[in-house]
Amino acid sequence: MSLSESLSQYLFDLETSDLLTSLGRSHKELNLELGELGMSSQLVDLMTNHRRVLNSVLLRLRLLSESNKQEDQVRSSLSRLNNNLVTSLLDHLYLQHSTEHTEHTEHTEHTEHTEHTEHTEHTEHTEHTEHHTEPQELSLNTDEQVDENSDEEDENVLLNNFFNECVKKTEDASDIVRSKDFYTALNTWWVNESSSDVPSKPTLKTYLTERLGKGMKGTWTNVALN
């Protein structure tokens, strides 16, 4: 997906946000419903509370897209704003492109793998060679996959609970929290909530980036720990 296509998708999502607002949705409800579309809380904040900045940035992005500027050139053009909300918008737009490229690659690899498998199975059938997967082994693999998915969901639920209970966004740019402070707070909170292992620092950083946007040198502004 090109930047132009990502912008078109985002504008459609923006219209959806405006429609939800006109129907009386609260800020919390907007976060929940737009979160299902991949919108972080910072993107929702940018949509609802900073529309003038958003409109200006969207206009600049459209002009840069028409000039076929690359991602690094686009980010450089908007870096003078030094605005985490704008950074979260850029991350969202380019993540769409990255995700689509990855899905396309995975689909191609899956197709090639399937064709190779079908060819192999045909050859084995011709040679009267049969291969059977033991039912018990297949069942075990399936159960392990379900357990892994369940663990990931539980971890994400706990991280959401930690964020809602211990993290507060503010309007004061002097409010700054370092990544190691977040991790220390998570460790303290986690031991009282779960017997499982505390998520790794990279996992927490990825989660915080989704919720707060990309940090600057391991720190986030306009945020405080409760």
N, C-alpha and C. Protein backbone atom coordinates (compact mmCIF):
# COMPACT_ATOMS: atom_id res chain seq x y z
N MET A 1 0.85 -1.19 0.00
CA MET A 1 0.00 0.00 0.00
C MET A 1 0.89 1.25 0.00
N SER A 2 0.68 2.14 -0.96
CA SER A 2 1.46 3.36 -1.05
C SER A 2 1.00 4.36 0.02
N LEU A 3 1.80 5.43 0.19
CA LEU A 3 1.42 6.47 1.15
C LEU A 3 0.06 7.05 0.77
N SER A 4 -0.16 7.26 -0.51
CA SER A 4 -1.44 7.82 -0.96
C SER A 4 -2.61 6.91 -0.57
N GLU A 5 -2.42 5.60 -0.73
CA GLU A 5 -3.49 4.66 -0.37
C GLU A 5 -3.68 4.60 1.14
N SER A 6 -2.58 4.67 1.89
CA SER A 6 -2.67 4.69 3.35
C SER A 6 -3.43 5.93 3.82
N LEU A 7 -3.17 7.07 3.16
CA LEU A 7 -3.87 8.30 3.51
C LEU A 7 -5.37 8.18 3.24
N SER A 8 -5.71 7.57 2.10
CA SER A 8 -7.12 7.41 1.76
C SER A 8 -7.83 6.55 2.80
N GLN A 9 -7.16 5.47 3.24
CA GLN A 9 -7.75 4.61 4.26
C GLN A 9 -7.91 5.37 5.57
N TYR A 10 -6.89 6.18 5.91
CA TYR A 10 -6.94 6.93 7.16
C TYR A 10 -8.06 7.97 7.12
N LEU A 11 -8.25 8.64 6.00
CA LEU A 11 -9.32 9.63 5.88
C LEU A 11 -10.69 8.98 6.04
N PHE A 12 -10.81 7.76 5.53
CA PHE A 12 -12.07 7.03 5.72
C PHE A 12 -12.29 6.73 7.20
N ASP A 13 -11.21 6.29 7.89
CA ASP A 13 -11.30 6.02 9.33
C ASP A 13 -11.61 7.31 10.10
N LEU A 14 -11.07 8.43 9.62
CA LEU A 14 -11.32 9.72 10.26
C LEU A 14 -12.80 10.09 10.15
N GLU A 15 -13.39 9.82 8.98
CA GLU A 15 -14.83 10.08 8.82
C GLU A 15 -15.64 9.19 9.77
N THR A 16 -15.17 7.95 9.95
CA THR A 16 -15.84 7.04 10.88
C THR A 16 -15.78 7.59 12.30
N SER A 17 -14.61 8.14 12.68
CA SER A 17 -14.45 8.74 14.01
C SER A 17 -15.41 9.90 14.19
N ASP A 18 -15.53 10.76 13.17
CA ASP A 18 -16.44 11.91 13.25
C ASP A 18 -17.89 11.45 13.38
N LEU A 19 -18.22 10.37 12.65
CA LEU A 19 -19.58 9.84 12.71
C LEU A 19 -19.89 9.31 14.10
N LEU A 20 -18.94 8.58 14.67
CA LEU A 20 -19.13 8.05 16.02
C LEU A 20 -19.30 9.19 17.04
N THR A 21 -18.48 10.24 16.88
CA THR A 21 -18.57 11.40 17.78
C THR A 21 -19.94 12.07 17.67
N SER A 22 -20.43 12.19 16.43
CA SER A 22 -21.74 12.82 16.23
C SER A 22 -22.87 12.00 16.83
N LEU A 23 -22.62 10.70 17.00
CA LEU A 23 -23.63 9.82 17.59
C LEU A 23 -23.52 9.79 19.12
N GLY A 24 -22.61 10.59 19.66
CA GLY A 24 -22.53 10.73 21.11
C GLY A 24 -21.57 9.79 21.80
N ARG A 25 -20.66 9.19 21.04
CA ARG A 25 -19.70 8.29 21.67
C ARG A 25 -18.77 9.07 22.61
N SER A 26 -18.48 8.50 23.77
CA SER A 26 -17.54 9.13 24.69
C SER A 26 -16.12 8.87 24.21
N HIS A 27 -15.14 9.56 24.83
CA HIS A 27 -13.74 9.36 24.44
C HIS A 27 -13.31 7.92 24.70
N LYS A 28 -13.77 7.34 25.79
CA LYS A 28 -13.43 5.96 26.11
C LYS A 28 -14.01 5.01 25.08
N GLU A 29 -15.24 5.25 24.67
CA GLU A 29 -15.88 4.40 23.66
C GLU A 29 -15.18 4.53 22.31
N LEU A 30 -14.76 5.76 21.97
CA LEU A 30 -14.00 5.95 20.73
C LEU A 30 -12.71 5.15 20.75
N ASN A 31 -12.02 5.18 21.88
CA ASN A 31 -10.77 4.43 22.00
C ASN A 31 -11.00 2.94 21.78
N LEU A 32 -12.08 2.42 22.35
CA LEU A 32 -12.36 0.99 22.22
C LEU A 32 -12.73 0.61 20.78
N GLU A 33 -13.64 1.40 20.18
CA GLU A 33 -14.12 1.04 18.84
C GLU A 33 -13.07 1.29 17.76
N LEU A 34 -12.35 2.41 17.87
CA LEU A 34 -11.32 2.68 16.87
C LEU A 34 -10.07 1.84 17.12
N GLY A 35 -9.90 1.38 18.36
CA GLY A 35 -8.80 0.48 18.65
C GLY A 35 -8.92 -0.82 17.86
N GLU A 36 -10.14 -1.24 17.58
CA GLU A 36 -10.36 -2.43 16.78
C GLU A 36 -9.93 -2.22 15.33
N LEU A 37 -9.77 -0.96 14.92
CA LEU A 37 -9.30 -0.65 13.56
C LEU A 37 -7.79 -0.41 13.55
N GLY A 38 -7.14 -0.66 14.68
CA GLY A 38 -5.69 -0.46 14.74
C GLY A 38 -5.28 0.93 15.17
N MET A 39 -6.24 1.70 15.69
CA MET A 39 -5.93 3.07 16.11
C MET A 39 -5.46 3.08 17.57
N SER A 40 -4.32 3.69 17.83
CA SER A 40 -3.84 3.84 19.19
C SER A 40 -4.59 4.99 19.87
N SER A 41 -4.46 5.06 21.19
CA SER A 41 -5.12 6.14 21.92
C SER A 41 -4.58 7.51 21.49
N GLN A 42 -3.30 7.56 21.09
CA GLN A 42 -2.74 8.83 20.62
C GLN A 42 -3.37 9.26 19.30
N LEU A 43 -3.64 8.30 18.42
CA LEU A 43 -4.29 8.65 17.15
C LEU A 43 -5.70 9.19 17.40
N VAL A 44 -6.40 8.56 18.33
CA VAL A 44 -7.76 9.02 18.67
C VAL A 44 -7.68 10.44 19.25
N ASP A 45 -6.69 10.67 20.10
CA ASP A 45 -6.49 12.01 20.68
C ASP A 45 -6.22 13.03 19.59
N LEU A 46 -5.39 12.66 18.62
CA LEU A 46 -5.08 13.56 17.50
C LEU A 46 -6.33 13.86 16.69
N MET A 47 -7.17 12.86 16.47
CA MET A 47 -8.40 13.04 15.70
C MET A 47 -9.40 13.96 16.39
N THR A 48 -9.52 13.78 17.70
CA THR A 48 -10.62 14.45 18.41
C THR A 48 -10.23 15.79 19.04
N ASN A 49 -8.97 15.92 19.45
CA ASN A 49 -8.58 17.11 20.22
C ASN A 49 -7.57 18.02 19.52
N HIS A 50 -7.03 17.60 18.40
CA HIS A 50 -5.99 18.39 17.73
C HIS A 50 -6.26 18.41 16.22
N ARG A 51 -7.48 18.74 15.85
CA ARG A 51 -7.88 18.63 14.45
C ARG A 51 -7.13 19.61 13.55
N ARG A 52 -6.83 20.84 14.05
CA ARG A 52 -6.11 21.80 13.20
C ARG A 52 -4.72 21.27 12.84
N VAL A 53 -4.03 20.73 13.85
CA VAL A 53 -2.71 20.14 13.58
C VAL A 53 -2.84 18.98 12.61
N LEU A 54 -3.85 18.13 12.84
CA LEU A 54 -4.06 16.97 11.99
C LEU A 54 -4.31 17.39 10.54
N ASN A 55 -5.19 18.38 10.33
CA ASN A 55 -5.50 18.82 8.97
C ASN A 55 -4.26 19.36 8.26
N SER A 56 -3.45 20.11 9.00
CA SER A 56 -2.22 20.66 8.42
C SER A 56 -1.26 19.54 8.02
N VAL A 57 -1.11 18.54 8.89
CA VAL A 57 -0.21 17.43 8.61
C VAL A 57 -0.72 16.61 7.43
N LEU A 58 -2.03 16.37 7.37
CA LEU A 58 -2.60 15.59 6.26
C LEU A 58 -2.38 16.31 4.92
N LEU A 59 -2.50 17.64 4.92
CA LEU A 59 -2.25 18.39 3.70
C LEU A 59 -0.80 18.24 3.28
N ARG A 60 0.12 18.37 4.25
CA ARG A 60 1.54 18.21 3.93
C ARG A 60 1.83 16.79 3.41
N LEU A 61 1.22 15.79 4.03
CA LEU A 61 1.43 14.41 3.60
C LEU A 61 0.93 14.18 2.18
N ARG A 62 -0.20 14.81 1.84
CA ARG A 62 -0.73 14.65 0.49
C ARG A 62 0.23 15.24 -0.54
N LEU A 63 0.79 16.41 -0.22
CA LEU A 63 1.75 17.04 -1.13
C LEU A 63 3.02 16.19 -1.26
N LEU A 64 3.49 15.65 -0.14
CA LEU A 64 4.69 14.81 -0.18
C LEU A 64 4.43 13.52 -0.96
N SER A 65 3.22 13.00 -0.81
CA SER A 65 2.86 11.79 -1.55
C SER A 65 2.82 12.05 -3.05
N GLU A 66 2.27 13.20 -3.44
CA GLU A 66 2.22 13.55 -4.86
C GLU A 66 3.63 13.72 -5.44
N SER A 67 4.58 14.07 -4.58
CA SER A 67 5.98 14.23 -5.02
C SER A 67 6.76 12.92 -4.91
N ASN A 68 6.05 11.84 -4.53
CA ASN A 68 6.67 10.51 -4.42
C ASN A 68 7.86 10.49 -3.45
N LYS A 69 7.73 11.20 -2.33
CA LYS A 69 8.79 11.23 -1.35
C LYS A 69 8.84 9.90 -0.58
N GLN A 70 10.07 9.49 -0.21
CA GLN A 70 10.25 8.27 0.55
C GLN A 70 9.95 8.51 2.03
N GLU A 71 9.83 7.42 2.78
CA GLU A 71 9.45 7.52 4.19
C GLU A 71 10.40 8.41 4.98
N ASP A 72 11.73 8.23 4.79
CA ASP A 72 12.67 9.02 5.56
C ASP A 72 12.56 10.51 5.23
N GLN A 73 12.24 10.83 3.97
CA GLN A 73 12.07 12.22 3.58
C GLN A 73 10.79 12.80 4.19
N VAL A 74 9.74 12.00 4.24
CA VAL A 74 8.48 12.44 4.83
C VAL A 74 8.66 12.71 6.33
N ARG A 75 9.31 11.79 7.01
CA ARG A 75 9.52 11.97 8.45
C ARG A 75 10.40 13.18 8.73
N SER A 76 11.41 13.38 7.90
CA SER A 76 12.30 14.52 8.08
C SER A 76 11.55 15.83 7.90
N SER A 77 10.63 15.85 6.92
CA SER A 77 9.87 17.07 6.65
C SER A 77 8.99 17.47 7.82
N LEU A 78 8.50 16.45 8.58
CA LEU A 78 7.58 16.74 9.68
C LEU A 78 8.27 16.71 11.05
N SER A 79 9.57 16.40 11.06
CA SER A 79 10.27 16.26 12.34
C SER A 79 10.37 17.57 13.11
N ARG A 80 10.32 18.71 12.40
CA ARG A 80 10.44 20.01 13.08
C ARG A 80 9.28 20.25 14.05
N LEU A 81 8.18 19.54 13.86
CA LEU A 81 7.05 19.69 14.78
C LEU A 81 7.37 19.10 16.15
N ASN A 82 8.25 18.08 16.16
CA ASN A 82 8.62 17.41 17.41
C ASN A 82 7.37 17.03 18.22
N ASN A 83 6.43 16.39 17.54
CA ASN A 83 5.12 16.10 18.12
C ASN A 83 4.90 14.59 18.13
N ASN A 84 4.74 14.02 19.32
CA ASN A 84 4.55 12.58 19.43
C ASN A 84 3.28 12.11 18.74
N LEU A 85 2.24 12.94 18.74
CA LEU A 85 0.99 12.57 18.08
C LEU A 85 1.19 12.43 16.58
N VAL A 86 1.96 13.36 16.00
CA VAL A 86 2.25 13.29 14.56
C VAL A 86 3.09 12.07 14.26
N THR A 87 4.04 11.77 15.14
CA THR A 87 4.87 10.58 14.96
C THR A 87 4.02 9.32 14.99
N SER A 88 3.04 9.28 15.88
CA SER A 88 2.17 8.10 15.95
C SER A 88 1.35 7.95 14.66
N LEU A 89 0.96 9.07 14.05
CA LEU A 89 0.23 9.02 12.79
C LEU A 89 1.12 8.45 11.69
N LEU A 90 2.37 8.91 11.60
CA LEU A 90 3.30 8.40 10.59
C LEU A 90 3.55 6.91 10.81
N ASP A 91 3.73 6.51 12.06
CA ASP A 91 3.95 5.09 12.35
C ASP A 91 2.76 4.27 11.87
N HIS A 92 1.56 4.79 12.09
CA HIS A 92 0.35 4.08 11.70
C HIS A 92 0.26 3.95 10.17
N LEU A 93 0.51 5.04 9.47
CA LEU A 93 0.41 5.03 8.01
C LEU A 93 1.44 4.08 7.39
N TYR A 94 2.66 4.14 7.87
CA TYR A 94 3.70 3.29 7.28
C TYR A 94 3.61 1.85 7.77
N LEU A 95 2.98 1.63 8.94
CA LEU A 95 2.76 0.27 9.40
C LEU A 95 1.78 -0.44 8.47
N GLN A 96 0.78 0.29 7.95
CA GLN A 96 -0.15 -0.30 7.01
C GLN A 96 0.59 -0.82 5.79
N HIS A 97 1.53 -0.01 5.29
CA HIS A 97 2.31 -0.42 4.12
C HIS A 97 3.15 -1.64 4.45
N SER A 98 3.80 -1.61 5.63
CA SER A 98 4.68 -2.70 6.03
C SER A 98 3.89 -3.98 6.23
N THR A 99 2.70 -3.86 6.87
CA THR A 99 1.88 -5.04 7.12
C THR A 99 1.41 -5.67 5.83
N GLU A 100 0.97 -4.82 4.87
CA GLU A 100 0.49 -5.36 3.60
C GLU A 100 1.62 -6.07 2.85
N HIS A 101 2.83 -5.46 2.91
CA HIS A 101 3.97 -6.07 2.23
C HIS A 101 4.29 -7.43 2.86
N THR A 102 4.22 -7.49 4.20
CA THR A 102 4.51 -8.74 4.88
C THR A 102 3.49 -9.80 4.55
N GLU A 103 2.19 -9.38 4.53
CA GLU A 103 1.14 -10.33 4.21
C GLU A 103 1.29 -10.85 2.79
N HIS A 104 1.68 -9.95 1.87
CA HIS A 104 1.87 -10.37 0.49
C HIS A 104 3.00 -11.38 0.39
N THR A 105 4.10 -11.11 1.12
CA THR A 105 5.25 -12.01 1.10
C THR A 105 4.87 -13.36 1.68
N GLU A 106 4.14 -13.32 2.82
CA GLU A 106 3.74 -14.57 3.44
C GLU A 106 2.80 -15.36 2.53
N HIS A 107 1.91 -14.64 1.82
CA HIS A 107 1.00 -15.32 0.91
C HIS A 107 1.77 -15.98 -0.23
N THR A 108 2.76 -15.26 -0.76
CA THR A 108 3.56 -15.82 -1.85
C THR A 108 4.32 -17.04 -1.38
N GLU A 109 4.93 -16.93 -0.18
CA GLU A 109 5.68 -18.07 0.36
C GLU A 109 4.76 -19.25 0.62
N HIS A 110 3.54 -18.95 1.11
CA HIS A 110 2.59 -20.02 1.38
C HIS A 110 2.19 -20.71 0.09
N THR A 111 1.96 -19.92 -0.99
CA THR A 111 1.58 -20.50 -2.28
C THR A 111 2.68 -21.38 -2.82
N GLU A 112 3.92 -20.87 -2.74
CA GLU A 112 5.04 -21.66 -3.24
C GLU A 112 5.21 -22.94 -2.43
N HIS A 113 5.02 -22.82 -1.10
CA HIS A 113 5.15 -23.99 -0.24
C HIS A 113 4.07 -25.01 -0.57
N THR A 114 2.83 -24.52 -0.81
CA THR A 114 1.72 -25.41 -1.14
C THR A 114 1.98 -26.15 -2.45
N GLU A 115 2.44 -25.39 -3.46
CA GLU A 115 2.72 -26.02 -4.76
C GLU A 115 3.81 -27.08 -4.62
N HIS A 116 4.85 -26.75 -3.82
CA HIS A 116 5.94 -27.71 -3.62
C HIS A 116 5.42 -28.95 -2.90
N THR A 117 4.56 -28.73 -1.90
CA THR A 117 4.02 -29.86 -1.15
C THR A 117 3.16 -30.75 -2.03
N GLU A 118 2.30 -30.12 -2.86
CA GLU A 118 1.45 -30.90 -3.75
C GLU A 118 2.27 -31.73 -4.73
N HIS A 119 3.36 -31.11 -5.22
CA HIS A 119 4.22 -31.84 -6.14
C HIS A 119 4.88 -33.02 -5.44
N THR A 120 5.33 -32.80 -4.22
CA THR A 120 5.98 -33.88 -3.46
C THR A 120 5.01 -35.00 -3.17
N GLU A 121 3.78 -34.63 -2.76
CA GLU A 121 2.78 -35.65 -2.45
C GLU A 121 2.42 -36.47 -3.68
N HIS A 122 2.37 -35.79 -4.85
CA HIS A 122 2.05 -36.51 -6.09
C HIS A 122 3.15 -37.51 -6.42
N THR A 123 4.40 -37.07 -6.24
CA THR A 123 5.52 -37.96 -6.51
C THR A 123 5.51 -39.16 -5.57
N GLU A 124 5.24 -38.90 -4.28
CA GLU A 124 5.21 -39.98 -3.31
C GLU A 124 4.08 -40.95 -3.61
N HIS A 125 2.95 -40.42 -4.10
CA HIS A 125 1.82 -41.29 -4.45
C HIS A 125 2.18 -42.17 -5.62
N THR A 126 2.87 -41.61 -6.61
CA THR A 126 3.27 -42.38 -7.78
C THR A 126 4.20 -43.52 -7.39
N GLU A 127 5.05 -43.27 -6.43
CA GLU A 127 6.00 -44.29 -5.97
C GLU A 127 5.39 -45.21 -4.92
N HIS A 128 4.07 -45.02 -4.67
CA HIS A 128 3.35 -45.85 -3.69
C HIS A 128 3.95 -45.72 -2.30
N THR A 129 4.40 -44.49 -1.98
CA THR A 129 4.95 -44.23 -0.65
C THR A 129 3.94 -43.40 0.11
N GLU A 130 3.52 -43.89 1.25
CA GLU A 130 2.51 -43.20 2.04
C GLU A 130 3.13 -42.71 3.33
N HIS A 131 2.69 -41.50 3.73
CA HIS A 131 3.16 -40.93 4.99
C HIS A 131 1.95 -40.51 5.81
N HIS A 132 1.84 -41.01 7.03
CA HIS A 132 0.68 -40.72 7.88
C HIS A 132 1.14 -39.95 9.11
N THR A 133 0.43 -38.89 9.43
CA THR A 133 0.69 -38.15 10.67
C THR A 133 -0.07 -38.79 11.80
N GLU A 134 0.62 -39.12 12.86
CA GLU A 134 -0.04 -39.75 14.00
C GLU A 134 -1.08 -38.80 14.59
N PRO A 135 -2.35 -39.27 14.77
CA PRO A 135 -3.41 -38.42 15.32
C PRO A 135 -3.03 -37.82 16.66
N GLN A 136 -2.38 -38.61 17.52
CA GLN A 136 -2.04 -38.10 18.84
C GLN A 136 -1.08 -36.93 18.75
N GLU A 137 -0.07 -37.04 17.81
CA GLU A 137 0.91 -35.97 17.66
C GLU A 137 0.25 -34.71 17.13
N LEU A 138 -0.68 -34.85 16.18
CA LEU A 138 -1.38 -33.70 15.61
C LEU A 138 -2.20 -33.00 16.69
N SER A 139 -2.87 -33.79 17.52
CA SER A 139 -3.67 -33.21 18.59
C SER A 139 -2.80 -32.45 19.57
N LEU A 140 -1.62 -32.98 19.86
CA LEU A 140 -0.72 -32.33 20.79
C LEU A 140 -0.25 -31.00 20.25
N ASN A 141 0.12 -30.97 18.96
CA ASN A 141 0.57 -29.73 18.34
C ASN A 141 -0.52 -28.67 18.37
N THR A 142 -1.75 -29.09 18.11
CA THR A 142 -2.88 -28.15 18.12
C THR A 142 -3.08 -27.56 19.51
N ASP A 143 -3.00 -28.42 20.54
CA ASP A 143 -3.17 -27.97 21.92
C ASP A 143 -2.09 -26.98 22.30
N GLU A 144 -0.85 -27.25 21.85
CA GLU A 144 0.25 -26.34 22.18
C GLU A 144 0.03 -24.98 21.54
N GLN A 145 -0.50 -24.98 20.30
CA GLN A 145 -0.76 -23.72 19.61
C GLN A 145 -1.83 -22.92 20.34
N VAL A 146 -2.89 -23.59 20.81
CA VAL A 146 -3.95 -22.92 21.55
C VAL A 146 -3.40 -22.32 22.84
N ASP A 147 -2.52 -23.09 23.53
CA ASP A 147 -1.93 -22.58 24.77
C ASP A 147 -1.10 -21.34 24.52
N GLU A 148 -0.31 -21.33 23.42
CA GLU A 148 0.52 -20.18 23.11
C GLU A 148 -0.33 -18.95 22.84
N ASN A 149 -1.40 -19.14 22.07
CA ASN A 149 -2.29 -18.01 21.77
C ASN A 149 -2.94 -17.49 23.05
N SER A 150 -3.33 -18.42 23.93
CA SER A 150 -3.98 -18.02 25.18
C SER A 150 -3.02 -17.22 26.05
N ASP A 151 -1.74 -17.67 26.09
CA ASP A 151 -0.74 -16.95 26.89
C ASP A 151 -0.55 -15.53 26.38
N GLU A 152 -0.50 -15.38 25.03
CA GLU A 152 -0.31 -14.05 24.45
C GLU A 152 -1.48 -13.14 24.79
N GLU A 153 -2.72 -13.70 24.73
CA GLU A 153 -3.90 -12.89 25.03
C GLU A 153 -3.90 -12.47 26.51
N ASP A 154 -3.55 -13.43 27.41
CA ASP A 154 -3.52 -13.11 28.84
C ASP A 154 -2.49 -12.02 29.13
N GLU A 155 -1.31 -12.11 28.48
CA GLU A 155 -0.26 -11.12 28.71
C GLU A 155 -0.73 -9.74 28.26
N ASN A 156 -1.43 -9.68 27.10
CA ASN A 156 -1.90 -8.40 26.59
C ASN A 156 -2.97 -7.80 27.50
N VAL A 157 -3.83 -8.67 28.06
CA VAL A 157 -4.86 -8.20 28.99
C VAL A 157 -4.20 -7.60 30.23
N LEU A 158 -3.17 -8.28 30.74
CA LEU A 158 -2.48 -7.78 31.93
C LEU A 158 -1.77 -6.46 31.65
N LEU A 159 -1.15 -6.36 30.46
CA LEU A 159 -0.49 -5.10 30.11
C LEU A 159 -1.50 -3.96 30.00
N ASN A 160 -2.67 -4.25 29.45
CA ASN A 160 -3.73 -3.22 29.38
C ASN A 160 -4.15 -2.79 30.78
N ASN A 161 -4.28 -3.77 31.69
CA ASN A 161 -4.67 -3.45 33.07
C ASN A 161 -3.61 -2.59 33.74
N PHE A 162 -2.34 -2.95 33.52
CA PHE A 162 -1.24 -2.17 34.10
C PHE A 162 -1.29 -0.73 33.58
N PHE A 163 -1.48 -0.58 32.27
CA PHE A 163 -1.49 0.76 31.67
C PHE A 163 -2.65 1.58 32.24
N ASN A 164 -3.83 0.98 32.32
CA ASN A 164 -5.01 1.71 32.80
C ASN A 164 -4.89 2.11 34.27
N GLU A 165 -4.21 1.28 35.07
CA GLU A 165 -4.12 1.54 36.50
C GLU A 165 -2.93 2.42 36.87
N CYS A 166 -1.84 2.32 36.11
CA CYS A 166 -0.59 2.95 36.56
C CYS A 166 -0.08 4.07 35.67
N VAL A 167 -0.65 4.24 34.49
CA VAL A 167 -0.11 5.23 33.54
C VAL A 167 -1.17 6.30 33.29
N LYS A 168 -0.73 7.55 33.29
CA LYS A 168 -1.66 8.67 33.07
C LYS A 168 -1.06 9.63 32.06
N LYS A 169 -1.80 9.93 30.99
CA LYS A 169 -1.36 10.92 30.02
C LYS A 169 -1.71 12.32 30.54
N THR A 170 -0.81 13.27 30.30
CA THR A 170 -1.01 14.63 30.80
C THR A 170 -0.83 15.64 29.67
N GLU A 171 -1.11 16.91 30.00
CA GLU A 171 -0.91 18.00 29.06
C GLU A 171 0.40 18.74 29.33
N ASP A 172 1.14 18.28 30.30
CA ASP A 172 2.39 18.94 30.71
C ASP A 172 3.58 18.27 30.04
N ALA A 173 4.26 18.99 29.14
CA ALA A 173 5.39 18.43 28.41
C ALA A 173 6.58 18.12 29.32
N SER A 174 6.56 18.66 30.54
CA SER A 174 7.66 18.37 31.48
C SER A 174 7.47 17.01 32.15
N ASP A 175 6.31 16.41 31.98
CA ASP A 175 6.08 15.07 32.52
C ASP A 175 6.75 14.06 31.60
N ILE A 176 7.81 13.44 32.07
CA ILE A 176 8.60 12.52 31.26
C ILE A 176 8.83 11.22 32.05
N VAL A 177 8.66 10.08 31.35
CA VAL A 177 8.91 8.78 31.99
C VAL A 177 9.87 8.00 31.11
N ARG A 178 10.94 7.47 31.74
CA ARG A 178 11.90 6.66 31.00
C ARG A 178 11.42 5.22 30.91
N SER A 179 11.93 4.50 29.89
CA SER A 179 11.51 3.12 29.68
C SER A 179 11.85 2.25 30.89
N LYS A 180 13.01 2.52 31.53
CA LYS A 180 13.37 1.69 32.68
C LYS A 180 12.44 1.96 33.87
N ASP A 181 11.91 3.19 33.97
CA ASP A 181 10.95 3.49 35.03
C ASP A 181 9.63 2.76 34.79
N PHE A 182 9.23 2.70 33.50
CA PHE A 182 8.03 1.93 33.15
C PHE A 182 8.23 0.46 33.55
N TYR A 183 9.42 -0.06 33.25
CA TYR A 183 9.67 -1.49 33.51
C TYR A 183 9.71 -1.77 35.00
N THR A 184 10.30 -0.87 35.77
CA THR A 184 10.32 -1.03 37.22
C THR A 184 8.90 -1.04 37.79
N ALA A 185 8.07 -0.11 37.30
CA ALA A 185 6.67 -0.05 37.75
C ALA A 185 5.91 -1.31 37.36
N LEU A 186 6.18 -1.82 36.15
CA LEU A 186 5.51 -3.04 35.69
C LEU A 186 5.89 -4.22 36.57
N ASN A 187 7.17 -4.35 36.91
CA ASN A 187 7.61 -5.45 37.77
C ASN A 187 6.90 -5.41 39.12
N THR A 188 6.83 -4.21 39.70
CA THR A 188 6.18 -4.06 41.01
C THR A 188 4.70 -4.42 40.93
N TRP A 189 4.05 -3.98 39.87
CA TRP A 189 2.62 -4.25 39.70
C TRP A 189 2.37 -5.71 39.38
N TRP A 190 3.22 -6.31 38.55
CA TRP A 190 2.98 -7.65 38.00
C TRP A 190 2.98 -8.73 39.08
N VAL A 191 3.89 -8.61 40.07
CA VAL A 191 4.01 -9.68 41.08
C VAL A 191 2.73 -9.81 41.90
N ASN A 192 1.94 -8.77 41.97
CA ASN A 192 0.68 -8.83 42.72
C ASN A 192 -0.50 -9.26 41.86
N GLU A 193 -0.28 -9.38 40.55
CA GLU A 193 -1.38 -9.66 39.64
C GLU A 193 -1.27 -11.01 38.94
N SER A 194 -0.06 -11.53 38.79
CA SER A 194 0.11 -12.74 37.99
C SER A 194 1.30 -13.55 38.48
N SER A 195 1.19 -14.88 38.34
CA SER A 195 2.30 -15.77 38.69
C SER A 195 3.19 -16.06 37.49
N SER A 196 2.80 -15.56 36.33
CA SER A 196 3.59 -15.79 35.13
C SER A 196 4.79 -14.83 35.09
N ASP A 197 5.71 -15.10 34.17
CA ASP A 197 6.90 -14.26 34.06
C ASP A 197 6.54 -12.86 33.57
N VAL A 198 7.24 -11.88 34.09
CA VAL A 198 7.03 -10.50 33.64
C VAL A 198 7.48 -10.38 32.17
N PRO A 199 6.72 -9.69 31.32
CA PRO A 199 7.13 -9.52 29.92
C PRO A 199 8.52 -8.89 29.82
N SER A 200 9.21 -9.18 28.75
CA SER A 200 10.55 -8.64 28.54
C SER A 200 10.49 -7.14 28.26
N LYS A 201 11.64 -6.49 28.38
CA LYS A 201 11.70 -5.05 28.09
C LYS A 201 11.29 -4.74 26.65
N PRO A 202 11.77 -5.51 25.63
CA PRO A 202 11.33 -5.25 24.25
C PRO A 202 9.81 -5.37 24.09
N THR A 203 9.21 -6.36 24.78
CA THR A 203 7.75 -6.54 24.69
C THR A 203 7.04 -5.32 25.26
N LEU A 204 7.52 -4.83 26.41
CA LEU A 204 6.91 -3.64 27.03
C LEU A 204 7.09 -2.42 26.13
N LYS A 205 8.28 -2.27 25.53
CA LYS A 205 8.54 -1.12 24.67
C LYS A 205 7.61 -1.13 23.46
N THR A 206 7.42 -2.31 22.87
CA THR A 206 6.50 -2.42 21.73
C THR A 206 5.08 -2.03 22.15
N TYR A 207 4.66 -2.49 23.32
CA TYR A 207 3.32 -2.16 23.81
C TYR A 207 3.16 -0.66 24.05
N LEU A 208 4.17 -0.05 24.69
CA LEU A 208 4.10 1.38 24.97
C LEU A 208 4.08 2.20 23.68
N THR A 209 4.81 1.74 22.67
CA THR A 209 4.81 2.45 21.39
C THR A 209 3.43 2.42 20.76
N GLU A 210 2.72 1.29 20.91
CA GLU A 210 1.36 1.19 20.38
C GLU A 210 0.40 2.12 21.12
N ARG A 211 0.61 2.26 22.44
CA ARG A 211 -0.31 3.07 23.24
C ARG A 211 0.06 4.55 23.28
N LEU A 212 1.37 4.85 23.27
CA LEU A 212 1.80 6.23 23.45
C LEU A 212 2.52 6.82 22.25
N GLY A 213 2.76 6.02 21.22
CA GLY A 213 3.55 6.49 20.10
C GLY A 213 5.03 6.21 20.35
N LYS A 214 5.84 6.46 19.38
CA LYS A 214 7.27 6.17 19.47
C LYS A 214 7.95 7.14 20.44
N GLY A 215 8.71 6.58 21.39
CA GLY A 215 9.42 7.40 22.35
C GLY A 215 10.69 8.00 21.75
N MET A 216 11.22 8.99 22.43
CA MET A 216 12.46 9.64 22.01
C MET A 216 13.58 9.20 22.95
N LYS A 217 14.53 8.42 22.41
CA LYS A 217 15.67 7.95 23.20
C LYS A 217 15.22 7.25 24.49
N GLY A 218 14.22 6.40 24.34
CA GLY A 218 13.78 5.61 25.48
C GLY A 218 12.96 6.36 26.50
N THR A 219 12.40 7.51 26.13
CA THR A 219 11.55 8.28 27.05
C THR A 219 10.27 8.70 26.35
N TRP A 220 9.25 8.93 27.15
CA TRP A 220 7.97 9.43 26.62
C TRP A 220 7.59 10.69 27.40
N THR A 221 7.05 11.65 26.66
CA THR A 221 6.63 12.91 27.29
C THR A 221 5.10 12.95 27.42
N ASN A 222 4.62 13.92 28.19
CA ASN A 222 3.19 14.09 28.45
C ASN A 222 2.59 12.83 29.05
N VAL A 223 3.34 12.19 29.94
CA VAL A 223 2.85 10.98 30.58
C VAL A 223 3.48 10.87 31.96
N ALA A 224 2.72 10.27 32.89
CA ALA A 224 3.22 10.12 34.27
C ALA A 224 2.78 8.77 34.81
N LEU A 225 3.48 8.30 35.82
CA LEU A 225 3.13 7.05 36.49
C LEU A 225 2.33 7.38 37.75
N ASN A 226 1.23 6.65 37.93
CA ASN A 226 0.40 6.86 39.13
C ASN A 226 1.11 6.31 40.37
